[in-house]
C-alpha atoms as a PDB file:
ATOM      1  CA  UNK A   1     132.409 176.847  93.422  1.00  0.00           C
ATOM      2  CA  UNK A   2     129.418 177.082  91.051  1.00  0.00           C
ATOM      3  CA  UNK A   3     127.520 173.895  90.215  1.00  0.00           C
ATOM      4  CA  UNK A   4     126.218 173.478  86.678  1.00  0.00           C
ATOM      5  CA  UNK A   5     122.922 171.846  85.703  1.00  0.00           C
ATOM      6  CA  UNK A   6     122.635 169.707  82.576  1.00  0.00           C
ATOM      7  CA  UNK A   7     119.154 168.582  81.491  1.00  0.00           C
ATOM      8  CA  UNK A   8     118.867 165.549  79.225  1.00  0.00           C
ATOM      9  CA  UNK A   9     115.789 164.408  77.339  1.00  0.00           C
ATOM     10  CA  UNK A  10     116.587 160.696  77.644  1.00  0.00           C
ATOM     11  CA  UNK A  11     118.043 158.412  80.285  1.00  0.00           C
ATOM     12  CA  UNK A  12     120.721 157.302  77.838  1.00  0.00           C
ATOM     13  CA  UNK A  13     121.896 160.886  77.354  1.00  0.00           C
ATOM     14  CA  UNK A  14     121.905 161.445  81.109  1.00  0.00           C
ATOM     15  CA  UNK A  15     123.910 158.260  81.647  1.00  0.00           C
ATOM     16  CA  UNK A  16     126.529 159.429  79.155  1.00  0.00           C
ATOM     17  CA  UNK A  17     126.746 162.788  80.917  1.00  0.00           C
ATOM     18  CA  UNK A  18     127.335 161.060  84.249  1.00  0.00           C
ATOM     19  CA  UNK A  19     130.153 158.995  82.783  1.00  0.00           C
ATOM     20  CA  UNK A  20     131.772 162.041  81.211  1.00  0.00           C
ATOM     21  CA  UNK A  21     133.061 163.669  84.376  1.00  0.00           C
ATOM     22  CA  UNK A  22     132.524 164.950  87.899  1.00  0.00           C
ATOM     23  CA  UNK A  23     128.733 164.805  87.995  1.00  0.00           C
ATOM     24  CA  UNK A  24     125.899 163.710  90.270  1.00  0.00           C
ATOM     25  CA  UNK A  25     122.435 162.689  89.183  1.00  0.00           C
ATOM     26  CA  UNK A  26     119.677 165.053  90.293  1.00  0.00           C
ATOM     27  CA  UNK A  27     116.247 163.557  90.958  1.00  0.00           C
ATOM     28  CA  UNK A  28     114.251 165.374  93.651  1.00  0.00           C
ATOM     29  CA  UNK A  29     117.399 166.915  95.059  1.00  0.00           C
ATOM     30  CA  UNK A  30     116.488 166.548  98.733  1.00  0.00           C
ATOM     31  CA  UNK A  31     119.906 165.098  99.601  1.00  0.00           C
ATOM     32  CA  UNK A  32     122.249 165.914  96.738  1.00  0.00           C
ATOM     33  CA  UNK A  33     121.440 169.636  96.792  1.00  0.00           C
ATOM     34  CA  UNK A  34     122.175 169.633 100.505  1.00  0.00           C
ATOM     35  CA  UNK A  35     125.576 168.149  99.698  1.00  0.00           C
ATOM     36  CA  UNK A  36     126.251 170.991  97.284  1.00  0.00           C
ATOM     37  CA  UNK A  37     125.165 173.558  99.859  1.00  0.00           C
ATOM     38  CA  UNK A  38     127.534 171.958 102.355  1.00  0.00           C
ATOM     39  CA  UNK A  39     130.439 172.429  99.905  1.00  0.00           C
ATOM     40  CA  UNK A  40     130.807 168.854  98.669  1.00  0.00           C
ATOM     41  CA  UNK A  41     133.629 169.227  96.137  1.00  0.00           C
ATOM     42  CA  UNK A  42     133.351 165.725  94.663  1.00  0.00           C
ATOM     43  CA  UNK A  43     131.153 166.960  91.781  1.00  0.00           C
ATOM     44  CA  UNK A  44     130.664 170.086  89.704  1.00  0.00           C
ATOM     45  CA  UNK A  45     127.626 169.236  87.567  1.00  0.00           C
ATOM     46  CA  UNK A  46     124.075 168.133  88.269  1.00  0.00           C
ATOM     47  CA  UNK A  47     122.632 165.844  85.587  1.00  0.00           C
ATOM     48  CA  UNK A  48     118.902 165.264  85.291  1.00  0.00           C
ATOM     49  CA  UNK A  49     116.670 163.397  82.832  1.00  0.00           C
ATOM     50  CA  UNK A  50     113.300 164.742  81.734  1.00  0.00           C
ATOM     51  CA  UNK A  51     112.019 161.474  80.208  1.00  0.00           C
ATOM     52  CA  UNK A  52     108.270 161.382  81.072  1.00  0.00           C
ATOM     53  CA  UNK A  53     108.435 157.624  81.766  1.00  0.00           C
ATOM     54  CA  UNK A  54     110.348 158.463  84.923  1.00  0.00           C
ATOM     55  CA  UNK A  55     107.169 160.026  86.380  1.00  0.00           C
ATOM     56  CA  UNK A  56     104.877 157.172  85.357  1.00  0.00           C
ATOM     57  CA  UNK A  57     102.712 155.206  87.799  1.00  0.00           C
ATOM     58  CA  UNK A  58     101.147 152.034  86.409  1.00  0.00           C
ATOM     59  CA  UNK A  59      99.019 149.442  88.198  1.00  0.00           C
ATOM     60  CA  UNK A  60      98.177 146.567  85.879  1.00  0.00           C
ATOM     61  CA  UNK A  61      97.514 142.849  86.440  1.00  0.00           C
ATOM     62  CA  UNK A  62      98.170 143.295  90.156  1.00  0.00           C
ATOM     63  CA  UNK A  63     101.664 144.677  89.507  1.00  0.00           C
ATOM     64  CA  UNK A  64     102.742 148.226  90.404  1.00  0.00           C
ATOM     65  CA  UNK A  65     105.356 150.044  88.329  1.00  0.00           C
ATOM     66  CA  UNK A  66     106.744 153.272  89.749  1.00  0.00           C
ATOM     67  CA  UNK A  67     109.029 155.413  87.616  1.00  0.00           C
ATOM     68  CA  UNK A  68     112.163 156.496  89.444  1.00  0.00           C
ATOM     69  CA  UNK A  69     111.034 160.127  89.259  1.00  0.00           C
ATOM     70  CA  UNK A  70     107.660 159.502  90.916  1.00  0.00           C
ATOM     71  CA  UNK A  71     107.387 161.601  94.073  1.00  0.00           C
ATOM     72  CA  UNK A  72     106.211 160.615  97.514  1.00  0.00           C
ATOM     73  CA  UNK A  73     103.313 163.070  97.142  1.00  0.00           C
ATOM     74  CA  UNK A  74     102.153 161.285  93.983  1.00  0.00           C
ATOM     75  CA  UNK A  75     102.191 157.929  95.748  1.00  0.00           C
ATOM     76  CA  UNK A  76     100.433 159.207  98.861  1.00  0.00           C
ATOM     77  CA  UNK A  77      97.543 160.570  96.798  1.00  0.00           C
ATOM     78  CA  UNK A  78      97.168 157.688  94.305  1.00  0.00           C
ATOM     79  CA  UNK A  79      93.903 155.789  94.919  1.00  0.00           C
ATOM     80  CA  UNK A  80      95.398 152.393  94.021  1.00  0.00           C
ATOM     81  CA  UNK A  81      98.424 152.808  96.294  1.00  0.00           C
ATOM     82  CA  UNK A  82      96.799 153.570  99.629  1.00  0.00           C
ATOM     83  CA  UNK A  83      98.438 150.512 101.209  1.00  0.00           C
ATOM     84  CA  UNK A  84     101.754 152.253 100.480  1.00  0.00           C
ATOM     85  CA  UNK A  85     100.670 155.758 101.487  1.00  0.00           C
ATOM     86  CA  UNK A  86     101.946 155.494 105.112  1.00  0.00           C
ATOM     87  CA  UNK A  87     105.466 154.796 103.824  1.00  0.00           C
ATOM     88  CA  UNK A  88     105.293 157.712 101.375  1.00  0.00           C
ATOM     89  CA  UNK A  89     103.967 160.073 104.046  1.00  0.00           C
ATOM     90  CA  UNK A  90     106.815 159.053 106.351  1.00  0.00           C
ATOM     91  CA  UNK A  91     109.252 160.943 104.110  1.00  0.00           C
ATOM     92  CA  UNK A  92     109.613 164.467 105.465  1.00  0.00           C
ATOM     93  CA  UNK A  93     106.941 167.142 105.368  1.00  0.00           C
ATOM     94  CA  UNK A  94     104.734 168.202 102.439  1.00  0.00           C
ATOM     95  CA  UNK A  95     107.450 170.255 100.725  1.00  0.00           C
ATOM     96  CA  UNK A  96     109.917 167.363 100.848  1.00  0.00           C
ATOM     97  CA  UNK A  97     107.313 164.846  99.633  1.00  0.00           C
ATOM     98  CA  UNK A  98     106.661 167.053  96.606  1.00  0.00           C
ATOM     99  CA  UNK A  99     110.333 166.640  95.626  1.00  0.00           C
ATOM    100  CA  UNK A 100     111.527 163.339  97.077  1.00  0.00           C
ATOM    101  CA  UNK A 101     111.506 160.550  94.488  1.00  0.00           C
ATOM    102  CA  UNK A 102     111.411 156.765  94.461  1.00  0.00           C
ATOM    103  CA  UNK A 103     114.807 156.560  92.784  1.00  0.00           C
ATOM    104  CA  UNK A 104     116.450 159.030  95.126  1.00  0.00           C
ATOM    105  CA  UNK A 105     115.123 157.225  98.184  1.00  0.00           C
ATOM    106  CA  UNK A 106     116.804 154.003  97.049  1.00  0.00           C
ATOM    107  CA  UNK A 107     120.179 155.704  97.547  1.00  0.00           C
ATOM    108  CA  UNK A 108     119.385 157.574 100.762  1.00  0.00           C
ATOM    109  CA  UNK A 109     121.670 156.575 103.651  1.00  0.00           C
ATOM    110  CA  UNK A 110     120.294 155.871 107.121  1.00  0.00           C
ATOM    111  CA  UNK A 111     118.531 157.499 108.927  1.00  0.00           C
ATOM    112  CA  UNK A 112     116.802 158.350 105.635  1.00  0.00           C
ATOM    113  CA  UNK A 113     115.427 155.930 103.048  1.00  0.00           C
ATOM    114  CA  UNK A 114     112.196 154.988 104.825  1.00  0.00           C
ATOM    115  CA  UNK A 115     110.353 154.322 101.562  1.00  0.00           C
ATOM    116  CA  UNK A 116     113.066 151.912 100.455  1.00  0.00           C
ATOM    117  CA  UNK A 117     112.398 149.863 103.592  1.00  0.00           C
ATOM    118  CA  UNK A 118     108.834 149.392 102.334  1.00  0.00           C
ATOM    119  CA  UNK A 119     110.083 148.414  98.864  1.00  0.00           C
ATOM    120  CA  UNK A 120     112.426 145.851 100.399  1.00  0.00           C
ATOM    121  CA  UNK A 121     109.570 144.236 102.317  1.00  0.00           C
ATOM    122  CA  UNK A 122     107.455 144.198  99.149  1.00  0.00           C
ATOM    123  CA  UNK A 123     110.146 142.221  97.275  1.00  0.00           C
ATOM    124  CA  UNK A 124     110.483 144.909  94.620  1.00  0.00           C
ATOM    125  CA  UNK A 125     112.672 144.601  91.548  1.00  0.00           C
ATOM    126  CA  UNK A 126     114.696 147.535  90.252  1.00  0.00           C
ATOM    127  CA  UNK A 127     115.053 148.464  86.581  1.00  0.00           C
ATOM    128  CA  UNK A 128     118.583 149.870  86.376  1.00  0.00           C
ATOM    129  CA  UNK A 129     121.016 150.114  83.496  1.00  0.00           C
ATOM    130  CA  UNK A 130     118.750 148.088  81.215  1.00  0.00           C
ATOM    131  CA  UNK A 131     118.644 145.186  83.679  1.00  0.00           C
ATOM    132  CA  UNK A 132     116.114 144.014  86.245  1.00  0.00           C
ATOM    133  CA  UNK A 133     117.696 143.432  89.649  1.00  0.00           C
ATOM    134  CA  UNK A 134     116.107 142.173  92.875  1.00  0.00           C
ATOM    135  CA  UNK A 135     116.094 144.932  95.466  1.00  0.00           C
ATOM    136  CA  UNK A 136     118.155 142.942  98.001  1.00  0.00           C
ATOM    137  CA  UNK A 137     121.380 142.801  95.924  1.00  0.00           C
ATOM    138  CA  UNK A 138     120.672 146.264  94.505  1.00  0.00           C
ATOM    139  CA  UNK A 139     120.695 147.856  97.958  1.00  0.00           C
ATOM    140  CA  UNK A 140     123.790 145.889  98.945  1.00  0.00           C
ATOM    141  CA  UNK A 141     125.782 147.277  95.983  1.00  0.00           C
ATOM    142  CA  UNK A 142     124.004 150.572  95.293  1.00  0.00           C
ATOM    143  CA  UNK A 143     127.059 152.768  95.929  1.00  0.00           C
ATOM    144  CA  UNK A 144     129.301 150.915  93.481  1.00  0.00           C
ATOM    145  CA  UNK A 145     127.612 151.785  90.177  1.00  0.00           C
ATOM    146  CA  UNK A 146     126.799 154.875  88.138  1.00  0.00           C
ATOM    147  CA  UNK A 147     123.762 153.523  86.327  1.00  0.00           C
ATOM    148  CA  UNK A 148     120.455 155.371  86.489  1.00  0.00           C
ATOM    149  CA  UNK A 149     117.420 153.690  88.012  1.00  0.00           C
ATOM    150  CA  UNK A 150     114.442 153.786  85.648  1.00  0.00           C
ATOM    151  CA  UNK A 151     111.679 152.197  87.732  1.00  0.00           C
ATOM    152  CA  UNK A 152     110.745 149.745  90.468  1.00  0.00           C
ATOM    153  CA  UNK A 153     108.074 147.031  90.277  1.00  0.00           C
ATOM    154  CA  UNK A 154     106.308 144.903  92.866  1.00  0.00           C
ATOM    155  CA  UNK A 155     103.115 142.918  93.297  1.00  0.00           C
ATOM    156  CA  UNK A 156     100.136 144.440  95.072  1.00  0.00           C
ATOM    157  CA  UNK A 157      99.983 142.732  98.489  1.00  0.00           C
ATOM    158  CA  UNK A 158      96.845 140.967  99.639  1.00  0.00           C
ATOM    159  CA  UNK A 159      94.597 143.044 101.870  1.00  0.00           C
ATOM    160  CA  UNK A 160      96.068 143.487 105.335  1.00  0.00           C
ATOM    161  CA  UNK A 161      99.325 141.692 104.496  1.00  0.00           C
ATOM    162  CA  UNK A 162     101.554 144.785 104.359  1.00  0.00           C
ATOM    163  CA  UNK A 163     102.375 146.842 107.437  1.00  0.00           C
ATOM    164  CA  UNK A 164     104.674 149.821 107.924  1.00  0.00           C
ATOM    165  CA  UNK A 165     105.831 151.719 110.986  1.00  0.00           C
ATOM    166  CA  UNK A 166     108.200 154.661 111.384  1.00  0.00           C
ATOM    167  CA  UNK A 167     109.388 155.807 114.801  1.00  0.00           C
ATOM    168  CA  UNK A 168     110.695 159.361 115.084  1.00  0.00           C
ATOM    169  CA  UNK A 169     111.196 161.914 117.841  1.00  0.00           C
ATOM    170  CA  UNK A 170     109.672 164.783 115.872  1.00  0.00           C
ATOM    171  CA  UNK A 171     106.292 163.961 114.347  1.00  0.00           C
ATOM    172  CA  UNK A 172     105.242 163.775 111.619  1.00  0.00           C
ATOM    173  CA  UNK A 173     108.375 164.666 109.667  1.00  0.00           C
ATOM    174  CA  UNK A 174     111.350 163.846 111.849  1.00  0.00           C
ATOM    175  CA  UNK A 175     114.137 161.533 110.726  1.00  0.00           C
ATOM    176  CA  UNK A 176     113.854 157.919 111.784  1.00  0.00           C
ATOM    177  CA  UNK A 177     114.822 156.386 115.052  1.00  0.00           C
ATOM    178  CA  UNK A 178     113.870 153.231 113.166  1.00  0.00           C
ATOM    179  CA  UNK A 179     111.320 151.983 110.695  1.00  0.00           C
ATOM    180  CA  UNK A 180     109.907 148.541 110.006  1.00  0.00           C
ATOM    181  CA  UNK A 181     107.976 147.113 107.067  1.00  0.00           C
ATOM    182  CA  UNK A 182     106.493 143.634 107.090  1.00  0.00           C
ATOM    183  CA  UNK A 183     104.725 141.529 104.474  1.00  0.00           C
ATOM    184  CA  UNK A 184     102.917 138.523 105.961  1.00  0.00           C
ATOM    185  CA  UNK A 185     100.662 136.369 103.816  1.00  0.00           C
ATOM    186  CA  UNK A 186      98.396 133.988 105.739  1.00  0.00           C
ATOM    187  CA  UNK A 187      96.404 130.922 104.841  1.00  0.00           C
ATOM    188  CA  UNK A 188      92.769 130.240 105.712  1.00  0.00           C
ATOM    189  CA  UNK A 189      93.661 129.085 109.206  1.00  0.00           C
ATOM    190  CA  UNK A 190      95.574 132.279 109.974  1.00  0.00           C
ATOM    191  CA  UNK A 191      99.084 130.816 109.796  1.00  0.00           C
ATOM    192  CA  UNK A 192     101.777 132.889 108.090  1.00  0.00           C
ATOM    193  CA  UNK A 193     102.800 131.286 104.804  1.00  0.00           C
ATOM    194  CA  UNK A 194     105.316 133.863 103.569  1.00  0.00           C
ATOM    195  CA  UNK A 195     107.084 136.616 105.485  1.00  0.00           C
ATOM    196  CA  UNK A 196     109.435 139.468 104.615  1.00  0.00           C
ATOM    197  CA  UNK A 197     110.577 141.885 107.303  1.00  0.00           C
ATOM    198  CA  UNK A 198     112.643 144.960 106.408  1.00  0.00           C
ATOM    199  CA  UNK A 199     114.346 147.323 108.844  1.00  0.00           C
ATOM    200  CA  UNK A 200     115.576 150.889 108.577  1.00  0.00           C
ATOM    201  CA  UNK A 201     118.417 152.382 110.679  1.00  0.00           C
ATOM    202  CA  UNK A 202     119.589 148.885 111.605  1.00  0.00           C
ATOM    203  CA  UNK A 203     122.478 149.252 109.142  1.00  0.00           C
ATOM    204  CA  UNK A 204     123.679 151.986 106.790  1.00  0.00           C
ATOM    205  CA  UNK A 205     120.920 150.906 104.370  1.00  0.00           C
ATOM    206  CA  UNK A 206     117.642 148.961 104.606  1.00  0.00           C
ATOM    207  CA  UNK A 207     118.171 145.314 105.584  1.00  0.00           C
ATOM    208  CA  UNK A 208     116.007 142.250 106.084  1.00  0.00           C
ATOM    209  CA  UNK A 209     115.462 140.503 109.405  1.00  0.00           C
ATOM    210  CA  UNK A 210     115.765 136.993 108.003  1.00  0.00           C
ATOM    211  CA  UNK A 211     115.756 135.250 111.386  1.00  0.00           C
ATOM    212  CA  UNK A 212     112.470 136.942 112.259  1.00  0.00           C
ATOM    213  CA  UNK A 213     111.067 135.936 108.874  1.00  0.00           C
ATOM    214  CA  UNK A 214     111.944 132.296 109.519  1.00  0.00           C
ATOM    215  CA  UNK A 215     110.294 132.440 112.937  1.00  0.00           C
ATOM    216  CA  UNK A 216     107.107 133.952 111.518  1.00  0.00           C
ATOM    217  CA  UNK A 217     106.494 131.264 108.899  1.00  0.00           C
ATOM    218  CA  UNK A 218     103.929 128.828 110.221  1.00  0.00           C
ATOM    219  CA  UNK A 219     103.097 131.077 113.177  1.00  0.00           C
ATOM    220  CA  UNK A 220      99.955 133.041 113.927  1.00  0.00           C
ATOM    221  CA  UNK A 221      99.954 136.796 114.495  1.00  0.00           C
ATOM    222  CA  UNK A 222      99.037 136.508 118.160  1.00  0.00           C
ATOM    223  CA  UNK A 223     100.977 137.575 121.241  1.00  0.00           C
ATOM    224  CA  UNK A 224     102.321 134.068 121.791  1.00  0.00           C
ATOM    225  CA  UNK A 225     102.618 133.216 118.114  1.00  0.00           C
ATOM    226  CA  UNK A 226     104.978 136.090 117.277  1.00  0.00           C
ATOM    227  CA  UNK A 227     107.204 135.882 120.357  1.00  0.00           C
ATOM    228  CA  UNK A 228     109.933 133.828 118.653  1.00  0.00           C
ATOM    229  CA  UNK A 229     110.072 136.354 115.799  1.00  0.00           C
ATOM    230  CA  UNK A 230     110.230 139.268 118.227  1.00  0.00           C
ATOM    231  CA  UNK A 231     113.168 137.658 120.011  1.00  0.00           C
ATOM    232  CA  UNK A 232     114.910 137.002 116.684  1.00  0.00           C
ATOM    233  CA  UNK A 233     114.430 140.426 115.070  1.00  0.00           C
ATOM    234  CA  UNK A 234     117.724 141.782 116.438  1.00  0.00           C
ATOM    235  CA  UNK A 235     119.855 139.007 114.959  1.00  0.00           C
ATOM    236  CA  UNK A 236     122.467 140.335 112.553  1.00  0.00           C
ATOM    237  CA  UNK A 237     121.646 144.045 112.940  1.00  0.00           C
ATOM    238  CA  UNK A 238     124.239 146.831 113.157  1.00  0.00           C
ATOM    239  CA  UNK A 239     122.238 149.919 114.157  1.00  0.00           C
ATOM    240  CA  UNK A 240     123.597 153.365 113.399  1.00  0.00           C
ATOM    241  CA  UNK A 241     124.449 156.005 115.972  1.00  0.00           C
ATOM    242  CA  UNK A 242     123.598 159.613 115.137  1.00  0.00           C
ATOM    243  CA  UNK A 243     122.285 162.731 116.922  1.00  0.00           C
ATOM    244  CA  UNK A 244     118.770 161.205 116.899  1.00  0.00           C
ATOM    245  CA  UNK A 245     119.561 157.975 118.756  1.00  0.00           C
ATOM    246  CA  UNK A 246     122.396 155.664 119.700  1.00  0.00           C
ATOM    247  CA  UNK A 247     122.891 152.191 118.287  1.00  0.00           C
ATOM    248  CA  UNK A 248     122.182 150.786 121.771  1.00  0.00           C
ATOM    249  CA  UNK A 249     118.845 152.587 122.016  1.00  0.00           C
ATOM    250  CA  UNK A 250     117.750 151.545 118.524  1.00  0.00           C
ATOM    251  CA  UNK A 251     118.518 147.895 119.273  1.00  0.00           C
ATOM    252  CA  UNK A 252     116.680 148.071 122.608  1.00  0.00           C
ATOM    253  CA  UNK A 253     113.426 149.494 121.228  1.00  0.00           C
ATOM    254  CA  UNK A 254     113.316 147.507 117.981  1.00  0.00           C
ATOM    255  CA  UNK A 255     111.578 144.416 119.476  1.00  0.00           C
ATOM    256  CA  UNK A 256     109.013 146.624 121.214  1.00  0.00           C
ATOM    257  CA  UNK A 257     107.955 148.324 118.000  1.00  0.00           C
ATOM    258  CA  UNK A 258     108.140 145.113 115.973  1.00  0.00           C
ATOM    259  CA  UNK A 259     105.724 143.457 118.381  1.00  0.00           C
ATOM    260  CA  UNK A 260     103.351 146.430 118.139  1.00  0.00           C
ATOM    261  CA  UNK A 261     103.493 146.361 114.352  1.00  0.00           C
ATOM    262  CA  UNK A 262     102.612 142.664 114.121  1.00  0.00           C
ATOM    263  CA  UNK A 263      99.795 142.888 116.665  1.00  0.00           C
ATOM    264  CA  UNK A 264      98.251 146.064 115.203  1.00  0.00           C
END
């Protein structure tokens, strides 16, 4: 069955086209085009928006705004976003990074969606459907709506506070066994004052390790200081099983890599 492509000059026009019938939104196309090639019959039209704001990167007053159409390659090469470059470079190879977008990654199911794990740790907010939504509830309900994401925003972390790790069997572009992003602000004495820990492949979408976050607050990032958080990082997870790794294996190696990330 042929698939049609409809290009819209505004997000509003694209939204109306999505509501009109059997259509899927086309951003970078790294996943949705695969679905079409694999004979997904749930849609017959690709809808895309060419609004230039979707490709906008803005860093102002210590706040980053990424349009939903910004690619991983753009982020990886942006001089003000080098703290985020490891997460952008974790998405596929060069060809994929030239296509894969911020907005598309927000909807990528595990074992994909590595960049969204970083956004979750950074406490991003999502501009969708004319509203601003915290990323936590957005990810929890992302499959229930048809509204188009316009942008994401988050504060620039303090130097050294943000860490990201992806574990894969095929480097550098293999799909994830797991990935971890952590944001740990510390006071002058070295104690963690705020902590956000996000995990990939530990559910069907990025999730937070809230028990590990609680254990990190007030601790120091030393071998002994992080041990309670390492022991707690598996609480509440439901790892996926796929051809890359089993749920058992992912749960077993998660504390090992979390410890390495915090002590790096």
